[in-house]
PDB file of N, CA and C in Angstrom:
ATOM      1  N   MET A   1     107.819 106.355  84.193  1.00  0.00           N
ATOM      2  CA  MET A   1     107.066 107.580  84.073  1.00  0.00           C
ATOM      3  C   MET A   1     108.041 108.722  83.815  1.00  0.00           C
ATOM      4  N   THR A   2     107.660 109.613  82.943  1.00  0.00           N
ATOM      5  CA  THR A   2     108.487 110.770  82.619  1.00  0.00           C
ATOM      6  C   THR A   2     108.043 111.979  83.436  1.00  0.00           C
ATOM      7  N   ARG A   3     108.849 113.018  83.390  1.00  0.00           N
ATOM      8  CA  ARG A   3     108.497 114.264  84.076  1.00  0.00           C
ATOM      9  C   ARG A   3     107.185 114.816  83.514  1.00  0.00           C
ATOM     10  N   ALA A   4     107.010 114.722  82.197  1.00  0.00           N
ATOM     11  CA  ALA A   4     105.781 115.215  81.571  1.00  0.00           C
ATOM     12  C   ALA A   4     104.568 114.404  82.042  1.00  0.00           C
ATOM     13  N   GLY A   5     104.720 113.087  82.155  1.00  0.00           N
ATOM     14  CA  GLY A   5     103.632 112.249  82.648  1.00  0.00           C
ATOM     15  C   GLY A   5     103.286 112.569  84.090  1.00  0.00           C
ATOM     16  N   LEU A   6     104.295 112.830  84.889  1.00  0.00           N
ATOM     17  CA  LEU A   6     104.077 113.214  86.278  1.00  0.00           C
ATOM     18  C   LEU A   6     103.347 114.556  86.348  1.00  0.00           C
ATOM     19  N   ALA A   7     103.763 115.510  85.525  1.00  0.00           N
ATOM     20  CA  ALA A   7     103.111 116.821  85.490  1.00  0.00           C
ATOM     21  C   ALA A   7     101.653 116.691  85.079  1.00  0.00           C
ATOM     22  N   GLU A   8     101.382 115.807  84.135  1.00  0.00           N
ATOM     23  CA  GLU A   8     100.001 115.592  83.692  1.00  0.00           C
ATOM     24  C   GLU A   8      99.147 115.047  84.837  1.00  0.00           C
ATOM     25  N   GLN A   9      99.676 114.095  85.596  1.00  0.00           N
ATOM     26  CA  GLN A   9      98.929 113.541  86.728  1.00  0.00           C
ATOM     27  C   GLN A   9      98.700 114.580  87.816  1.00  0.00           C
ATOM     28  N   VAL A  10      99.725 115.386  88.103  1.00  0.00           N
ATOM     29  CA  VAL A  10      99.575 116.443  89.105  1.00  0.00           C
ATOM     30  C   VAL A  10      98.535 117.449  88.641  1.00  0.00           C
ATOM     31  N   SER A  11      98.559 117.786  87.375  1.00  0.00           N
ATOM     32  CA  SER A  11      97.602 118.732  86.811  1.00  0.00           C
ATOM     33  C   SER A  11      96.163 118.215  86.949  1.00  0.00           C
ATOM     34  N   ARG A  12      95.971 116.965  86.585  1.00  0.00           N
ATOM     35  CA  ARG A  12      94.628 116.371  86.684  1.00  0.00           C
ATOM     36  C   ARG A  12      94.140 116.289  88.127  1.00  0.00           C
ATOM     37  N   ALA A  13      95.028 115.869  89.028  1.00  0.00           N
ATOM     38  CA  ALA A  13      94.635 115.658  90.423  1.00  0.00           C
ATOM     39  C   ALA A  13      94.396 116.965  91.175  1.00  0.00           C
ATOM     40  N   SER A  14      95.112 118.027  90.794  1.00  0.00           N
ATOM     41  CA  SER A  14      95.025 119.262  91.570  1.00  0.00           C
ATOM     42  C   SER A  14      94.234 120.369  90.893  1.00  0.00           C
ATOM     43  N   GLY A  15      93.971 120.218  89.610  1.00  0.00           N
ATOM     44  CA  GLY A  15      93.218 121.250  88.895  1.00  0.00           C
ATOM     45  C   GLY A  15      94.072 122.427  88.446  1.00  0.00           C
ATOM     46  N   VAL A  16      95.384 122.337  88.563  1.00  0.00           N
ATOM     47  CA  VAL A  16      96.252 123.406  88.062  1.00  0.00           C
ATOM     48  C   VAL A  16      96.575 123.118  86.601  1.00  0.00           C
ATOM     49  N   THR A  17      97.097 124.123  85.909  1.00  0.00           N
ATOM     50  CA  THR A  17      97.451 123.922  84.504  1.00  0.00           C
ATOM     51  C   THR A  17      98.682 123.031  84.403  1.00  0.00           C
ATOM     52  N   GLY A  18      98.924 122.512  83.220  1.00  0.00           N
ATOM     53  CA  GLY A  18     100.100 121.682  83.003  1.00  0.00           C
ATOM     54  C   GLY A  18     101.384 122.443  83.257  1.00  0.00           C
ATOM     55  N   ARG A  19     101.403 123.722  82.855  1.00  0.00           N
ATOM     56  CA  ARG A  19     102.585 124.553  83.095  1.00  0.00           C
ATOM     57  C   ARG A  19     102.819 124.756  84.589  1.00  0.00           C
ATOM     58  N   GLU A  20     101.757 125.015  85.331  1.00  0.00           N
ATOM     59  CA  GLU A  20     101.886 125.189  86.783  1.00  0.00           C
ATOM     60  C   GLU A  20     102.354 123.890  87.443  1.00  0.00           C
ATOM     61  N   ALA A  21     101.823 122.763  86.979  1.00  0.00           N
ATOM     62  CA  ALA A  21     102.241 121.467  87.522  1.00  0.00           C
ATOM     63  C   ALA A  21     103.724 121.228  87.250  1.00  0.00           C
ATOM     64  N   SER A  22     104.201 121.605  86.062  1.00  0.00           N
ATOM     65  CA  SER A  22     105.622 121.452  85.732  1.00  0.00           C
ATOM     66  C   SER A  22     106.488 122.306  86.650  1.00  0.00           C
ATOM     67  N   ILE A  23     106.030 123.515  86.940  1.00  0.00           N
ATOM     68  CA  ILE A  23     106.780 124.400  87.841  1.00  0.00           C
ATOM     69  C   ILE A  23     106.832 123.799  89.238  1.00  0.00           C
ATOM     70  N   ILE A  24     105.725 123.246  89.700  1.00  0.00           N
ATOM     71  CA  ILE A  24     105.677 122.610  91.024  1.00  0.00           C
ATOM     72  C   ILE A  24     106.661 121.447  91.078  1.00  0.00           C
ATOM     73  N   ILE A  25     106.637 120.603  90.062  1.00  0.00           N
ATOM     74  CA  ILE A  25     107.523 119.429  90.029  1.00  0.00           C
ATOM     75  C   ILE A  25     108.986 119.863  89.973  1.00  0.00           C
ATOM     76  N   ASP A  26     109.307 120.845  89.122  1.00  0.00           N
ATOM     77  CA  ASP A  26     110.679 121.347  89.036  1.00  0.00           C
ATOM     78  C   ASP A  26     111.139 121.907  90.380  1.00  0.00           C
ATOM     79  N   THR A  27     110.235 122.599  91.075  1.00  0.00           N
ATOM     80  CA  THR A  27     110.564 123.176  92.382  1.00  0.00           C
ATOM     81  C   THR A  27     110.853 122.082  93.401  1.00  0.00           C
ATOM     82  N   VAL A  28     110.043 121.029  93.405  1.00  0.00           N
ATOM     83  CA  VAL A  28     110.266 119.909  94.330  1.00  0.00           C
ATOM     84  C   VAL A  28     111.600 119.235  94.019  1.00  0.00           C
ATOM     85  N   PHE A  29     111.866 118.956  92.746  1.00  0.00           N
ATOM     86  CA  PHE A  29     113.128 118.315  92.370  1.00  0.00           C
ATOM     87  C   PHE A  29     114.323 119.191  92.736  1.00  0.00           C
ATOM     88  N   GLU A  30     114.208 120.489  92.514  1.00  0.00           N
ATOM     89  CA  GLU A  30     115.302 121.404  92.841  1.00  0.00           C
ATOM     90  C   GLU A  30     115.524 121.465  94.344  1.00  0.00           C
ATOM     91  N   ALA A  31     114.442 121.432  95.122  1.00  0.00           N
ATOM     92  CA  ALA A  31     114.577 121.448  96.582  1.00  0.00           C
ATOM     93  C   ALA A  31     115.275 120.179  97.071  1.00  0.00           C
ATOM     94  N   ILE A  32     114.920 119.038  96.509  1.00  0.00           N
ATOM     95  CA  ILE A  32     115.559 117.774  96.887  1.00  0.00           C
ATOM     96  C   ILE A  32     117.027 117.802  96.489  1.00  0.00           C
ATOM     97  N   SER A  33     117.317 118.228  95.261  1.00  0.00           N
ATOM     98  CA  SER A  33     118.702 118.295  94.784  1.00  0.00           C
ATOM     99  C   SER A  33     119.535 119.245  95.630  1.00  0.00           C
ATOM    100  N   GLY A  34     118.978 120.406  95.946  1.00  0.00           N
ATOM    101  CA  GLY A  34     119.698 121.384  96.748  1.00  0.00           C
ATOM    102  C   GLY A  34     120.006 120.863  98.145  1.00  0.00           C
ATOM    103  N   ALA A  35     119.030 120.192  98.746  1.00  0.00           N
ATOM    104  CA  ALA A  35     119.245 119.626 100.078  1.00  0.00           C
ATOM    105  C   ALA A  35     120.349 118.576 100.037  1.00  0.00           C
ATOM    106  N   LEU A  36     120.336 117.718  99.027  1.00  0.00           N
ATOM    107  CA  LEU A  36     121.382 116.696  98.906  1.00  0.00           C
ATOM    108  C   LEU A  36     122.748 117.336  98.682  1.00  0.00           C
ATOM    109  N   ARG A  37     122.802 118.350  97.827  1.00  0.00           N
ATOM    110  CA  ARG A  37     124.078 119.040  97.571  1.00  0.00           C
ATOM    111  C   ARG A  37     124.654 119.639  98.848  1.00  0.00           C
ATOM    112  N   SER A  38     123.781 120.100  99.745  1.00  0.00           N
ATOM    113  CA  SER A  38     124.274 120.711 100.989  1.00  0.00           C
ATOM    114  C   SER A  38     124.476 119.683 102.099  1.00  0.00           C
ATOM    115  N   GLY A  39     124.346 118.394 101.750  1.00  0.00           N
ATOM    116  CA  GLY A  39     124.650 117.333 102.709  1.00  0.00           C
ATOM    117  C   GLY A  39     123.472 116.876 103.559  1.00  0.00           C
ATOM    118  N   GLU A  40     122.293 117.393 103.297  1.00  0.00           N
ATOM    119  CA  GLU A  40     121.124 116.994 104.065  1.00  0.00           C
ATOM    120  C   GLU A  40     120.524 115.702 103.518  1.00  0.00           C
ATOM    121  N   GLU A  41     119.851 114.960 104.396  1.00  0.00           N
ATOM    122  CA  GLU A  41     119.054 113.812 103.970  1.00  0.00           C
ATOM    123  C   GLU A  41     117.633 114.315 103.770  1.00  0.00           C
ATOM    124  N   VAL A  42     116.965 113.828 102.744  1.00  0.00           N
ATOM    125  CA  VAL A  42     115.598 114.236 102.458  1.00  0.00           C
ATOM    126  C   VAL A  42     114.689 113.058 102.764  1.00  0.00           C
ATOM    127  N   GLU A  43     113.739 113.270 103.675  1.00  0.00           N
ATOM    128  CA  GLU A  43     112.816 112.200 104.048  1.00  0.00           C
ATOM    129  C   GLU A  43     111.389 112.639 103.746  1.00  0.00           C
ATOM    130  N   ILE A  44     110.705 111.838 102.953  1.00  0.00           N
ATOM    131  CA  ILE A  44     109.301 112.087 102.638  1.00  0.00           C
ATOM    132  C   ILE A  44     108.522 110.941 103.266  1.00  0.00           C
ATOM    133  N   ARG A  45     107.897 111.217 104.397  1.00  0.00           N
ATOM    134  CA  ARG A  45     107.202 110.176 105.165  1.00  0.00           C
ATOM    135  C   ARG A  45     106.214 109.423 104.281  1.00  0.00           C
ATOM    136  N   GLY A  46     106.236 108.107 104.402  1.00  0.00           N
ATOM    137  CA  GLY A  46     105.338 107.267 103.627  1.00  0.00           C
ATOM    138  C   GLY A  46     105.841 106.960 102.232  1.00  0.00           C
ATOM    139  N   PHE A  47     106.867 107.695 101.790  1.00  0.00           N
ATOM    140  CA  PHE A  47     107.400 107.469 100.448  1.00  0.00           C
ATOM    141  C   PHE A  47     108.822 106.926 100.515  1.00  0.00           C
ATOM    142  N   GLY A  48     109.728 107.672 101.136  1.00  0.00           N
ATOM    143  CA  GLY A  48     111.095 107.202 101.246  1.00  0.00           C
ATOM    144  C   GLY A  48     112.046 108.320 101.563  1.00  0.00           C
ATOM    145  N   SER A  49     113.332 107.998 101.511  1.00  0.00           N
ATOM    146  CA  SER A  49     114.343 109.003 101.817  1.00  0.00           C
ATOM    147  C   SER A  49     115.461 108.959 100.785  1.00  0.00           C
ATOM    148  N   PHE A  50     116.033 110.127 100.555  1.00  0.00           N
ATOM    149  CA  PHE A  50     117.161 110.299  99.656  1.00  0.00           C
ATOM    150  C   PHE A  50     118.350 110.730 100.492  1.00  0.00           C
ATOM    151  N   ARG A  51     119.518 110.211 100.174  1.00  0.00           N
ATOM    152  CA  ARG A  51     120.730 110.667 100.830  1.00  0.00           C
ATOM    153  C   ARG A  51     121.906 110.405  99.911  1.00  0.00           C
ATOM    154  N   LEU A  52     123.019 111.059 100.221  1.00  0.00           N
ATOM    155  CA  LEU A  52     124.237 110.865  99.443  1.00  0.00           C
ATOM    156  C   LEU A  52     125.111 109.833 100.125  1.00  0.00           C
ATOM    157  N   ARG A  53     125.787 109.073  99.328  1.00  0.00           N
ATOM    158  CA  ARG A  53     126.787 108.132  99.827  1.00  0.00           C
ATOM    159  C   ARG A  53     128.084 108.410  99.092  1.00  0.00           C
ATOM    160  N   ASP A  54     129.162 108.245  99.816  1.00  0.00           N
ATOM    161  CA  ASP A  54     130.477 108.410  99.208  1.00  0.00           C
ATOM    162  C   ASP A  54     130.954 107.064  98.698  1.00  0.00           C
ATOM    163  N   ARG A  55     131.367 107.053  97.441  1.00  0.00           N
ATOM    164  CA  ARG A  55     131.986 105.848  96.877  1.00  0.00           C
ATOM    165  C   ARG A  55     133.482 106.084  96.851  1.00  0.00           C
ATOM    166  N   ARG A  56     134.234 105.127  97.357  1.00  0.00           N
ATOM    167  CA  ARG A  56     135.685 105.301  97.375  1.00  0.00           C
ATOM    168  C   ARG A  56     136.259 105.014  95.977  1.00  0.00           C
ATOM    169  N   ALA A  57     137.456 105.478  95.757  1.00  0.00           N
ATOM    170  CA  ALA A  57     138.138 105.230  94.488  1.00  0.00           C
ATOM    171  C   ALA A  57     138.372 103.731  94.343  1.00  0.00           C
ATOM    172  N   ARG A  58     138.392 103.280  93.112  1.00  0.00           N
ATOM    173  CA  ARG A  58     138.644 101.854  92.889  1.00  0.00           C
ATOM    174  C   ARG A  58     139.360 101.662  91.557  1.00  0.00           C
ATOM    175  N   ARG A  59     140.080 100.560  91.480  1.00  0.00           N
ATOM    176  CA  ARG A  59     140.780 100.190  90.240  1.00  0.00           C
ATOM    177  C   ARG A  59     139.914  99.215  89.462  1.00  0.00           C
ATOM    178  N   THR A  60     139.918  99.390  88.165  1.00  0.00           N
ATOM    179  CA  THR A  60     139.202  98.469  87.292  1.00  0.00           C
ATOM    180  C   THR A  60     139.964  98.396  85.973  1.00  0.00           C
ATOM    181  N   ARG A  61     139.486  97.582  85.065  1.00  0.00           N
ATOM    182  CA  ARG A  61     140.150  97.443  83.763  1.00  0.00           C
ATOM    183  C   ARG A  61     139.212  97.903  82.650  1.00  0.00           C
ATOM    184  N   ASN A  62     139.812  98.569  81.688  1.00  0.00           N
ATOM    185  CA  ASN A  62     139.086  98.933  80.487  1.00  0.00           C
ATOM    186  C   ASN A  62     138.885  97.639  79.699  1.00  0.00           C
ATOM    187  N   PRO A  63     137.632  97.219  79.470  1.00  0.00           N
ATOM    188  CA  PRO A  63     137.410  95.935  78.797  1.00  0.00           C
ATOM    189  C   PRO A  63     137.921  95.914  77.361  1.00  0.00           C
ATOM    190  N   ARG A  64     138.010  97.064  76.728  1.00  0.00           N
ATOM    191  CA  ARG A  64     138.456  97.116  75.335  1.00  0.00           C
ATOM    192  C   ARG A  64     139.963  96.991  75.220  1.00  0.00           C
ATOM    193  N   THR A  65     140.694  97.672  76.115  1.00  0.00           N
ATOM    194  CA  THR A  65     142.152  97.700  75.991  1.00  0.00           C
ATOM    195  C   THR A  65     142.862  96.854  77.037  1.00  0.00           C
ATOM    196  N   GLY A  66     142.176  96.503  78.118  1.00  0.00           N
ATOM    197  CA  GLY A  66     142.795  95.760  79.200  1.00  0.00           C
ATOM    198  C   GLY A  66     143.602  96.641  80.138  1.00  0.00           C
ATOM    199  N   GLU A  67     143.657  97.941  79.840  1.00  0.00           N
ATOM    200  CA  GLU A  67     144.411  98.891  80.656  1.00  0.00           C
ATOM    201  C   GLU A  67     143.760  99.062  82.029  1.00  0.00           C
ATOM    202  N   SER A  68     144.588  99.104  83.062  1.00  0.00           N
ATOM    203  CA  SER A  68     144.111  99.334  84.418  1.00  0.00           C
ATOM    204  C   SER A  68     143.835 100.829  84.587  1.00  0.00           C
ATOM    205  N   ILE A  69     142.649 101.159  85.075  1.00  0.00           N
ATOM    206  CA  ILE A  69     142.301 102.566  85.269  1.00  0.00           C
ATOM    207  C   ILE A  69     141.775 102.768  86.689  1.00  0.00           C
ATOM    208  N   LEU A  70     141.937 103.986  87.168  1.00  0.00           N
ATOM    209  CA  LEU A  70     141.453 104.345  88.496  1.00  0.00           C
ATOM    210  C   LEU A  70     140.164 105.134  88.334  1.00  0.00           C
ATOM    211  N   ILE A  71     139.096 104.645  88.954  1.00  0.00           N
ATOM    212  CA  ILE A  71     137.838 105.381  88.973  1.00  0.00           C
ATOM    213  C   ILE A  71     137.887 106.238  90.234  1.00  0.00           C
ATOM    214  N   PRO A  72     137.787 107.546  90.082  1.00  0.00           N
ATOM    215  CA  PRO A  72     137.929 108.433  91.244  1.00  0.00           C
ATOM    216  C   PRO A  72     136.752 108.299  92.212  1.00  0.00           C
ATOM    217  N   PRO A  73     136.947 108.742  93.450  1.00  0.00           N
ATOM    218  CA  PRO A  73     135.841 108.705  94.402  1.00  0.00           C
ATOM    219  C   PRO A  73     134.741 109.659  93.947  1.00  0.00           C
ATOM    220  N   LYS A  74     133.525 109.359  94.328  1.00  0.00           N
ATOM    221  CA  LYS A  74     132.419 110.247  93.964  1.00  0.00           C
ATOM    222  C   LYS A  74     131.286 110.075  94.958  1.00  0.00           C
ATOM    223  N   ARG A  75     130.379 111.009  94.912  1.00  0.00           N
ATOM    224  CA  ARG A  75     129.187 110.947  95.744  1.00  0.00           C
ATOM    225  C   ARG A  75     128.028 110.531  94.851  1.00  0.00           C
ATOM    226  N   VAL A  76     127.218 109.594  95.333  1.00  0.00           N
ATOM    227  CA  VAL A  76     126.061 109.125  94.576  1.00  0.00           C
ATOM    228  C   VAL A  76     124.815 109.243  95.427  1.00  0.00           C
ATOM    229  N   ALA A  77     123.699 109.512  94.789  1.00  0.00           N
ATOM    230  CA  ALA A  77     122.426 109.619  95.487  1.00  0.00           C
ATOM    231  C   ALA A  77     121.822 108.227  95.654  1.00  0.00           C
ATOM    232  N   PHE A  78     121.302 107.964  96.840  1.00  0.00           N
ATOM    233  CA  PHE A  78     120.612 106.712  97.112  1.00  0.00           C
ATOM    234  C   PHE A  78     119.200 107.018  97.553  1.00  0.00           C
ATOM    235  N   PHE A  79     118.281 106.175  97.125  1.00  0.00           N
ATOM    236  CA  PHE A  79     116.894 106.277  97.567  1.00  0.00           C
ATOM    237  C   PHE A  79     116.551 105.010  98.320  1.00  0.00           C
ATOM    238  N   ARG A  80     115.936 105.163  99.463  1.00  0.00           N
ATOM    239  CA  ARG A  80     115.449 104.016 100.224  1.00  0.00           C
ATOM    240  C   ARG A  80     113.949 104.175 100.377  1.00  0.00           C
ATOM    241  N   ALA A  81     113.205 103.203  99.864  1.00  0.00           N
ATOM    242  CA  ALA A  81     111.745 103.255  99.932  1.00  0.00           C
ATOM    243  C   ALA A  81     111.286 103.185 101.378  1.00  0.00           C
ATOM    244  N   GLY A  82     110.285 103.980 101.697  1.00  0.00           N
ATOM    245  CA  GLY A  82     109.698 103.972 103.034  1.00  0.00           C
ATOM    246  C   GLY A  82     108.799 102.762 103.224  1.00  0.00           C
ATOM    247  N   ARG A  83     108.443 102.520 104.468  1.00  0.00           N
ATOM    248  CA  ARG A  83     107.637 101.344 104.812  1.00  0.00           C
ATOM    249  C   ARG A  83     106.301 101.334 104.064  1.00  0.00           C
ATOM    250  N   LEU A  84     105.586 102.462 104.024  1.00  0.00           N
ATOM    251  CA  LEU A  84     104.283 102.491 103.359  1.00  0.00           C
ATOM    252  C   LEU A  84     104.409 102.221 101.861  1.00  0.00           C
ATOM    253  N   LEU A  85     105.427 102.781 101.228  1.00  0.00           N
ATOM    254  CA  LEU A  85     105.636 102.529  99.801  1.00  0.00           C
ATOM    255  C   LEU A  85     105.946 101.061  99.560  1.00  0.00           C
ATOM    256  N   ARG A  86     106.829 100.483 100.389  1.00  0.00           N
ATOM    257  CA  ARG A  86     107.145  99.050 100.235  1.00  0.00           C
ATOM    258  C   ARG A  86     105.895  98.197 100.397  1.00  0.00           C
ATOM    259  N   GLU A  87     105.049  98.534 101.376  1.00  0.00           N
ATOM    260  CA  GLU A  87     103.820  97.768 101.589  1.00  0.00           C
ATOM    261  C   GLU A  87     102.884  97.886 100.390  1.00  0.00           C
ATOM    262  N   ARG A  88     102.748  99.092  99.838  1.00  0.00           N
ATOM    263  CA  ARG A  88     101.895  99.274  98.648  1.00  0.00           C
ATOM    264  C   ARG A  88     102.418  98.465  97.468  1.00  0.00           C
ATOM    265  N   LEU A  89     103.738  98.485  97.284  1.00  0.00           N
ATOM    266  CA  LEU A  89     104.332  97.730  96.178  1.00  0.00           C
ATOM    267  C   LEU A  89     104.172  96.231  96.389  1.00  0.00           C
ATOM    268  N   ASP A  90     104.334  95.779  97.637  1.00  0.00           N
ATOM    269  CA  ASP A  90     104.155  94.356  97.930  1.00  0.00           C
ATOM    270  C   ASP A  90     102.722  93.923  97.650  1.00  0.00           C
ATOM    271  N   ARG A  91     101.759  94.768  98.052  1.00  0.00           N
ATOM    272  CA  ARG A  91     100.346  94.445  97.790  1.00  0.00           C
ATOM    273  C   ARG A  91     100.087  94.370  96.285  1.00  0.00           C
ATOM    274  N   ALA A  92     100.584  95.331  95.541  1.00  0.00           N
ATOM    275  CA  ALA A  92     100.406  95.341  94.086  1.00  0.00           C
ATOM    276  C   ALA A  92     101.105  94.140  93.461  1.00  0.00           C
ATOM    277  N   ASP A  93     102.270  93.787  94.005  1.00  0.00           N
ATOM    278  CA  ASP A  93     103.034  92.647  93.512  1.00  0.00           C
ATOM    279  C   ASP A  93     102.266  91.351  93.745  1.00  0.00           C
ATOM    280  N   GLN A  94     101.643  91.218  94.900  1.00  0.00           N
ATOM    281  CA  GLN A  94     100.888  90.007  95.221  1.00  0.00           C
ATOM    282  C   GLN A  94      99.642  89.882  94.358  1.00  0.00           C
ATOM    283  N   GLU A  95      99.001  91.015  94.062  1.00  0.00           N
ATOM    284  CA  GLU A  95      97.799  90.991  93.229  1.00  0.00           C
ATOM    285  C   GLU A  95      98.119  90.616  91.787  1.00  0.00           C
ATOM    286  N   ALA A  96      99.315  90.988  91.314  1.00  0.00           N
ATOM    287  CA  ALA A  96      99.703  90.718  89.926  1.00  0.00           C
ATOM    288  C   ALA A  96     100.692  89.570  89.836  1.00  0.00           C
ATOM    289  N   SER A  97     100.747  88.736  90.858  1.00  0.00           N
ATOM    290  CA  SER A  97     101.726  87.662  90.929  1.00  0.00           C
ATOM    291  C   SER A  97     101.476  86.597  89.862  1.00  0.00           C
ATOM    292  N   PRO A  98     102.510  86.230  89.063  1.00  0.00           N
ATOM    293  CA  PRO A  98     102.345  85.151  88.089  1.00  0.00           C
ATOM    294  C   PRO A  98     102.205  83.800  88.803  1.00  0.00           C
ATOM    295  N   ALA A  99     101.678  82.826  88.089  1.00  0.00           N
ATOM    296  CA  ALA A  99     101.436  81.509  88.671  1.00  0.00           C
ATOM    297  C   ALA A  99     102.743  80.812  89.052  1.00  0.00           C
ATOM    298  N   ASP A 100     103.809  81.010  88.279  1.00  0.00           N
ATOM    299  CA  ASP A 100     105.094  80.355  88.525  1.00  0.00           C
ATOM    300  C   ASP A 100     105.954  81.213  89.454  1.00  0.00           C
ATOM    301  N   PRO A 101     106.268  80.736  90.663  1.00  0.00           N
ATOM    302  CA  PRO A 101     107.050  81.543  91.600  1.00  0.00           C
ATOM    303  C   PRO A 101     108.438  81.897  91.081  1.00  0.00           C
ATOM    304  N   ASP A 102     109.047  81.055  90.230  1.00  0.00           N
ATOM    305  CA  ASP A 102     110.356  81.380  89.670  1.00  0.00           C
ATOM    306  C   ASP A 102     110.271  82.581  88.728  1.00  0.00           C
ATOM    307  N   GLU A 103     109.179  82.667  87.946  1.00  0.00           N
ATOM    308  CA  GLU A 103     108.964  83.826  87.079  1.00  0.00           C
ATOM    309  C   GLU A 103     108.828  85.074  87.921  1.00  0.00           C
ATOM    310  N   HIS A 104     108.086  84.940  89.012  1.00  0.00           N
ATOM    311  CA  HIS A 104     107.852  86.067  89.901  1.00  0.00           C
ATOM    312  C   HIS A 104     109.185  86.564  90.467  1.00  0.00           C
ATOM    313  N   ARG A 105     110.028  85.666  90.910  1.00  0.00           N
ATOM    314  CA  ARG A 105     111.314  86.029  91.483  1.00  0.00           C
ATOM    315  C   ARG A 105     112.188  86.706  90.433  1.00  0.00           C
ATOM    316  N   ALA A 106     112.183  86.187  89.217  1.00  0.00           N
ATOM    317  CA  ALA A 106     113.012  86.753  88.154  1.00  0.00           C
ATOM    318  C   ALA A 106     112.498  88.120  87.715  1.00  0.00           C
ATOM    319  N   ALA A 107     111.195  88.329  87.789  1.00  0.00           N
ATOM    320  CA  ALA A 107     110.602  89.585  87.334  1.00  0.00           C
ATOM    321  C   ALA A 107     110.766  90.707  88.347  1.00  0.00           C
ATOM    322  N   ARG A 108     110.946  90.347  89.599  1.00  0.00           N
ATOM    323  CA  ARG A 108     111.059  91.346  90.657  1.00  0.00           C
ATOM    324  C   ARG A 108     112.386  92.052  90.608  1.00  0.00           C
ATOM    325  N   ASP A 109     112.367  93.334  90.873  1.00  0.00           N
ATOM    326  CA  ASP A 109     113.600  94.099  91.008  1.00  0.00           C
ATOM    327  C   ASP A 109     113.961  94.063  92.479  1.00  0.00           C
ATOM    328  N   GLY A 110     115.229  93.855  92.818  1.00  0.00           N
ATOM    329  CA  GLY A 110     115.652  93.714  94.214  1.00  0.00           C
ATOM    330  C   GLY A 110     115.180  94.849  95.096  1.00  0.00           C
ATOM    331  N   GLY A 111     115.024  94.596  96.394  1.00  0.00           N
ATOM    332  CA  GLY A 111     114.536  95.590  97.346  1.00  0.00           C
ATOM    333  C   GLY A 111     115.672  96.355  97.986  1.00  0.00           C
ATOM    334  N   GLY A 112     115.337  97.115  98.985  1.00  0.00           N
ATOM    335  CA  GLY A 112     116.325  97.856  99.749  1.00  0.00           C
ATOM    336  C   GLY A 112     116.742  99.137  99.073  1.00  0.00           C
ATOM    337  N   GLU A 113     118.011  99.500  99.240  1.00  0.00           N
ATOM    338  CA  GLU A 113     118.502 100.767  98.722  1.00  0.00           C
ATOM    339  C   GLU A 113     118.905 100.625  97.258  1.00  0.00           C
ATOM    340  N   THR A 114     118.553 101.631  96.483  1.00  0.00           N
ATOM    341  CA  THR A 114     118.843 101.616  95.072  1.00  0.00           C
ATOM    342  C   THR A 114     119.675 102.833  94.709  1.00  0.00           C
ATOM    343  N   PRO A 115     120.865 102.645  94.095  1.00  0.00           N
ATOM    344  CA  PRO A 115     121.638 103.814  93.705  1.00  0.00           C
ATOM    345  C   PRO A 115     120.961 104.538  92.561  1.00  0.00           C
ATOM    346  N   THR A 116     121.004 105.857  92.591  1.00  0.00           N
ATOM    347  CA  THR A 116     120.437 106.656  91.516  1.00  0.00           C
ATOM    348  C   THR A 116     121.549 107.538  90.983  1.00  0.00           C
ATOM    349  N   THR A 117     122.478 106.925  90.246  1.00  0.00           N
ATOM    350  CA  THR A 117     123.648 107.659  89.747  1.00  0.00           C
ATOM    351  C   THR A 117     123.334 108.315  88.433  1.00  0.00           C
ATOM    352  N   ASP A 118     124.116 109.343  88.121  1.00  0.00           N
ATOM    353  CA  ASP A 118     123.960 110.045  86.848  1.00  0.00           C
ATOM    354  C   ASP A 118     125.058 109.691  85.856  1.00  0.00           C
ATOM    355  N   GLY A 119     125.641 108.533  86.002  1.00  0.00           N
ATOM    356  CA  GLY A 119     126.595 108.131  84.993  1.00  0.00           C
ATOM    357  C   GLY A 119     127.945 108.129  85.501  1.00  0.00           C
TER     358      GLY A 119
END
């Protein structure tokens, strides 16, 4: 889903204009980003929580040249789905479950914490 698609759904559900819905969404995203930048954890009950994690520096190789390079330490945002969201997804997953359990396992995206890095 894109930001525009989200704004359209908010607009339809709340009766505000598309522009107003976009402003609301931008405000929510900015509030979450600002809280993370200041070191706070953001918890949205029933949905999940966002927090920053520190990644330590590490050595790796450039696959093209074989040169050893140091990737500097950085902070990355992590999202952990809340219990209610996981339950909703599990229910939806069970309703749309393919007949072959191996297909189902391969189609599923792993659970738990998911990094949301910007590159």
